[in-house]
């Protein structure tokens, strides 16, 4: 299957290095996913303690990014990989900044949670609860696709982004209505609106990860083209 892409090396040591590199990305992805889940929970429940935990753990994501980037650079310099090996390293190099930025968005959501009084929020959080679940699913599935080298799951995630964008627009209109109904709640609603935008960015980064996976597995760069074109290219390359 696709695992053959990372199993074809004469050098067992090189094979191990590539496997460990990929595993480090998945480790970073797991940490980012955990941060996002905690941030969304902190926002919806206005849990200051959980929000501060997200804020204080962001350095772990940054440290992993530097570590993986250093290892990728070392492999490129010493191993001079070609073909699928090179695509794997390049996919890793492109993926880790997106994971780091998802971590930043989780931190931003946690910061918004800390700015909202614990007795406020109410009906406003109902609007983003479903959005948060959708975005969490997108991130989880993008990481799962990366782990299993699953093109079909990657394409499904890419399809999901447009639904997230539509829901963000709907929530934005609802929040504007709430602000006009009661201007006293504008500061609270603005924090929720910024959280919505952060979730929208997480969805975009999740799509990026899927695009890099398609590049690694199929050798096709599907950035900056329509979803229909990306889907066609990914399937034609089989």
Protein backbone atom coordinates (compact mmCIF):
# COMPACT_ATOMS: atom_id res chain seq x y z
CA UNK A 1 0.00 0.00 0.00
CA UNK A 2 1.10 3.63 0.46
CA UNK A 3 3.37 2.56 3.33
CA UNK A 4 5.69 1.27 0.62
CA UNK A 5 6.61 4.90 0.03
CA UNK A 6 8.62 4.86 3.25
CA UNK A 7 9.74 1.25 3.17
CA UNK A 8 11.88 1.13 0.07
CA UNK A 9 15.31 2.19 1.30
CA UNK A 10 18.51 0.22 1.10
CA UNK A 11 19.70 1.98 4.24
CA UNK A 12 17.82 0.68 7.27
CA UNK A 13 19.07 3.65 9.27
CA UNK A 14 17.69 6.11 6.75
CA UNK A 15 14.40 4.25 6.76
CA UNK A 16 14.29 4.57 10.55
CA UNK A 17 15.08 8.29 10.38
CA UNK A 18 12.19 8.93 8.00
CA UNK A 19 9.81 6.90 10.15
CA UNK A 20 10.85 8.79 13.27
CA UNK A 21 10.46 12.10 11.46
CA UNK A 22 6.91 11.22 10.49
CA UNK A 23 6.16 10.02 14.01
CA UNK A 24 7.40 13.32 15.42
CA UNK A 25 4.94 15.18 13.19
CA UNK A 26 2.13 12.98 14.50
CA UNK A 27 3.29 13.64 18.07
CA UNK A 28 3.17 17.37 17.40
CA UNK A 29 -0.24 16.95 15.79
CA UNK A 30 -1.56 15.10 18.83
CA UNK A 31 -0.41 17.89 21.12
CA UNK A 32 -1.97 20.54 18.88
CA UNK A 33 -5.24 18.60 18.78
CA UNK A 34 -5.27 18.40 22.56
CA UNK A 35 -4.62 22.14 22.86
CA UNK A 36 -7.47 22.96 20.49
CA UNK A 37 -9.92 20.70 22.33
CA UNK A 38 -9.03 22.28 25.67
CA UNK A 39 -9.26 25.80 24.25
CA UNK A 40 -12.74 25.24 22.83
CA UNK A 41 -13.89 23.63 26.08
CA UNK A 42 -12.43 26.53 28.07
CA UNK A 43 -14.29 29.04 25.90
CA UNK A 44 -17.68 27.34 25.97
CA UNK A 45 -17.52 26.63 29.71
CA UNK A 46 -15.61 29.83 30.58
CA UNK A 47 -13.08 27.73 32.42
CA UNK A 48 -10.21 30.05 33.31
CA UNK A 49 -8.03 27.29 34.70
CA UNK A 50 -8.23 25.28 31.48
CA UNK A 51 -7.64 28.40 29.39
CA UNK A 52 -4.46 29.17 31.36
CA UNK A 53 -3.31 25.59 30.86
CA UNK A 54 -3.59 26.01 27.10
CA UNK A 55 -1.72 29.30 27.29
CA UNK A 56 1.10 27.86 29.38
CA UNK A 57 1.57 24.74 27.21
CA UNK A 58 2.02 26.54 23.89
CA UNK A 59 5.81 26.45 24.29
CA UNK A 60 5.74 22.65 23.88
CA UNK A 61 4.39 23.01 20.35
CA UNK A 62 6.98 25.63 19.47
CA UNK A 63 9.78 23.41 20.79
CA UNK A 64 8.62 20.46 18.72
CA UNK A 65 8.47 22.63 15.60
CA UNK A 66 12.11 23.63 16.05
CA UNK A 67 13.16 20.05 16.76
CA UNK A 68 11.41 18.64 13.68
CA UNK A 69 12.66 21.45 11.48
CA UNK A 70 16.24 20.81 12.62
CA UNK A 71 15.92 17.09 11.92
CA UNK A 72 14.44 17.74 8.47
CA UNK A 73 17.32 20.07 7.64
CA UNK A 74 19.83 17.46 8.80
CA UNK A 75 18.25 14.77 6.62
CA UNK A 76 18.21 17.04 3.58
CA UNK A 77 21.86 17.97 4.08
CA UNK A 78 23.28 14.53 4.88
CA UNK A 79 20.99 12.13 3.04
CA UNK A 80 20.16 14.22 -0.03
CA UNK A 81 16.89 12.32 -0.54
CA UNK A 82 15.22 12.01 -3.92
CA UNK A 83 11.76 11.11 -5.26
CA UNK A 84 9.22 10.10 -2.57
CA UNK A 85 11.82 10.48 0.21
CA UNK A 86 12.33 14.11 -0.71
CA UNK A 87 8.58 14.67 -0.96
CA UNK A 88 8.12 13.25 2.53
CA UNK A 89 10.69 15.60 4.04
CA UNK A 90 9.25 18.57 2.15
CA UNK A 91 5.72 17.66 3.26
CA UNK A 92 6.96 17.58 6.85
CA UNK A 93 8.71 20.93 6.47
CA UNK A 94 5.48 22.46 5.14
CA UNK A 95 3.17 20.75 7.64
CA UNK A 96 4.83 21.75 10.90
CA UNK A 97 4.33 25.52 10.45
CA UNK A 98 0.62 24.89 9.93
CA UNK A 99 0.49 22.80 13.09
CA UNK A 100 2.31 25.54 14.99
CA UNK A 101 -0.20 28.11 13.73
CA UNK A 102 -3.10 25.91 14.82
CA UNK A 103 -1.47 25.93 18.24
CA UNK A 104 -1.37 29.72 18.09
CA UNK A 105 -5.08 29.83 17.24
CA UNK A 106 -5.84 27.54 20.18
CA UNK A 107 -3.91 29.92 22.42
CA UNK A 108 -5.87 32.84 20.98
CA UNK A 109 -9.18 31.12 21.76
CA UNK A 110 -7.97 30.50 25.31
CA UNK A 111 -7.11 34.18 25.64
CA UNK A 112 -10.62 35.12 24.50
CA UNK A 113 -12.07 32.77 27.14
CA UNK A 114 -10.10 34.62 29.83
CA UNK A 115 -11.53 37.97 28.71
CA UNK A 116 -15.19 36.97 29.09
CA UNK A 117 -16.75 37.20 32.56
CA UNK A 118 -17.84 33.84 33.91
CA UNK A 119 -21.48 34.96 34.22
CA UNK A 120 -21.69 36.04 30.57
CA UNK A 121 -21.85 34.23 27.25
CA UNK A 122 -25.03 32.17 27.43
CA UNK A 123 -26.76 32.02 24.07
CA UNK A 124 -23.70 33.38 22.27
CA UNK A 125 -21.72 30.18 22.83
CA UNK A 126 -24.45 28.03 21.36
CA UNK A 127 -23.61 29.51 17.97
CA UNK A 128 -20.01 28.31 17.99
CA UNK A 129 -20.37 24.97 19.78
CA UNK A 130 -21.19 23.13 16.55
CA UNK A 131 -18.52 25.04 14.65
CA UNK A 132 -15.93 23.96 17.20
CA UNK A 133 -16.95 20.33 16.80
CA UNK A 134 -16.65 20.58 13.01
CA UNK A 135 -13.20 22.13 13.16
CA UNK A 136 -11.98 19.59 15.71
CA UNK A 137 -13.14 16.82 13.38
CA UNK A 138 -11.34 18.41 10.45
CA UNK A 139 -8.08 18.60 12.37
CA UNK A 140 -8.41 15.06 13.68
CA UNK A 141 -9.15 13.66 10.24
CA UNK A 142 -6.30 15.57 8.60
CA UNK A 143 -3.87 14.06 11.12
CA UNK A 144 -5.44 10.64 10.66
CA UNK A 145 -5.02 10.96 6.90
CA UNK A 146 -1.38 11.92 7.39
CA UNK A 147 -0.83 8.92 9.67
CA UNK A 148 -2.44 6.44 7.27
CA UNK A 149 -1.45 8.20 4.02
CA UNK A 150 -5.15 8.23 3.20
CA UNK A 151 -5.95 10.39 0.17
CA UNK A 152 -9.70 9.86 0.37
CA UNK A 153 -9.87 11.14 3.94
CA UNK A 154 -7.69 14.10 2.95
CA UNK A 155 -10.11 14.99 0.16
CA UNK A 156 -13.06 14.75 2.55
CA UNK A 157 -11.36 17.21 4.89
CA UNK A 158 -10.80 19.60 2.02
CA UNK A 159 -14.49 19.42 1.14
CA UNK A 160 -15.40 20.20 4.74
CA UNK A 161 -13.60 23.55 4.73
CA UNK A 162 -16.24 25.24 2.58
CA UNK A 163 -18.95 24.17 5.06
CA UNK A 164 -16.94 25.69 7.90
CA UNK A 165 -16.58 28.94 5.95
CA UNK A 166 -20.34 29.08 5.39
CA UNK A 167 -21.06 28.43 9.05
CA UNK A 168 -18.59 31.14 10.09
CA UNK A 169 -20.43 33.63 7.86
CA UNK A 170 -23.75 32.63 9.40
CA UNK A 171 -22.40 32.98 12.94
CA UNK A 172 -20.92 36.38 12.05
CA UNK A 173 -24.32 37.63 10.97
CA UNK A 174 -25.94 36.28 14.14
CA UNK A 175 -23.36 37.98 16.33
CA UNK A 176 -23.84 41.29 14.52
CA UNK A 177 -27.57 41.02 15.26
CA UNK A 178 -26.85 40.39 18.94
CA UNK A 179 -24.61 43.47 19.08
CA UNK A 180 -27.32 45.66 17.59
CA UNK A 181 -29.91 44.27 20.03
CA UNK A 182 -27.79 45.07 23.08
CA UNK A 183 -24.70 47.25 22.54
CA UNK A 184 -23.65 46.64 26.16
CA UNK A 185 -22.55 43.14 25.15
CA UNK A 186 -20.37 44.27 22.24
CA UNK A 187 -17.03 43.53 24.02
CA UNK A 188 -18.14 39.98 24.85
CA UNK A 189 -19.48 39.33 21.36
CA UNK A 190 -16.31 40.67 19.76
CA UNK A 191 -14.26 38.14 21.73
CA UNK A 192 -16.55 35.37 20.52
CA UNK A 193 -16.27 36.68 16.97
CA UNK A 194 -12.46 36.59 17.17
CA UNK A 195 -12.72 33.02 18.44
CA UNK A 196 -14.88 32.14 15.44
CA UNK A 197 -12.25 33.55 13.11
CA UNK A 198 -9.58 31.54 14.91
CA UNK A 199 -11.58 28.35 14.30
CA UNK A 200 -11.92 29.31 10.65
CA UNK A 201 -8.14 29.59 10.43
CA UNK A 202 -7.72 26.15 12.04
CA UNK A 203 -9.92 24.70 9.30
CA UNK A 204 -7.75 26.36 6.64
CA UNK A 205 -4.56 24.99 8.18
CA UNK A 206 -6.13 21.52 8.36
CA UNK A 207 -6.83 21.72 4.64
CA UNK A 208 -3.22 22.74 4.03
CA UNK A 209 -2.00 19.60 5.81
CA UNK A 210 -4.14 17.51 3.47
CA UNK A 211 -2.70 19.28 0.44
CA UNK A 212 0.83 18.47 1.60
CA UNK A 213 -0.18 14.84 2.09
CA UNK A 214 -1.43 14.64 -1.50
CA UNK A 215 1.86 16.10 -2.65
CA UNK A 216 3.80 13.47 -0.71
CA UNK A 217 1.73 10.48 -1.77
CA UNK A 218 0.90 11.45 -5.35
CA UNK A 219 3.57 13.95 -6.29
CA UNK A 220 0.91 16.51 -7.21
CA UNK A 221 0.92 20.08 -5.93
CA UNK A 222 -2.78 20.87 -5.44
CA UNK A 223 -2.38 24.27 -3.82
CA UNK A 224 -3.98 27.34 -5.40
CA UNK A 225 -6.38 25.35 -7.58
CA UNK A 226 -10.05 24.57 -7.17
CA UNK A 227 -11.18 21.68 -5.03
CA UNK A 228 -12.55 19.92 -8.11
CA UNK A 229 -9.20 20.22 -9.87
CA UNK A 230 -7.35 19.01 -6.78
CA UNK A 231 -9.63 16.00 -6.49
CA UNK A 232 -9.18 15.16 -10.17
CA UNK A 233 -5.41 15.45 -10.02
CA UNK A 234 -5.14 13.34 -6.86
CA UNK A 235 -7.16 10.57 -8.44
CA UNK A 236 -5.56 10.75 -11.88
CA UNK A 237 -2.14 10.25 -10.31
CA UNK A 238 -2.99 6.77 -9.11
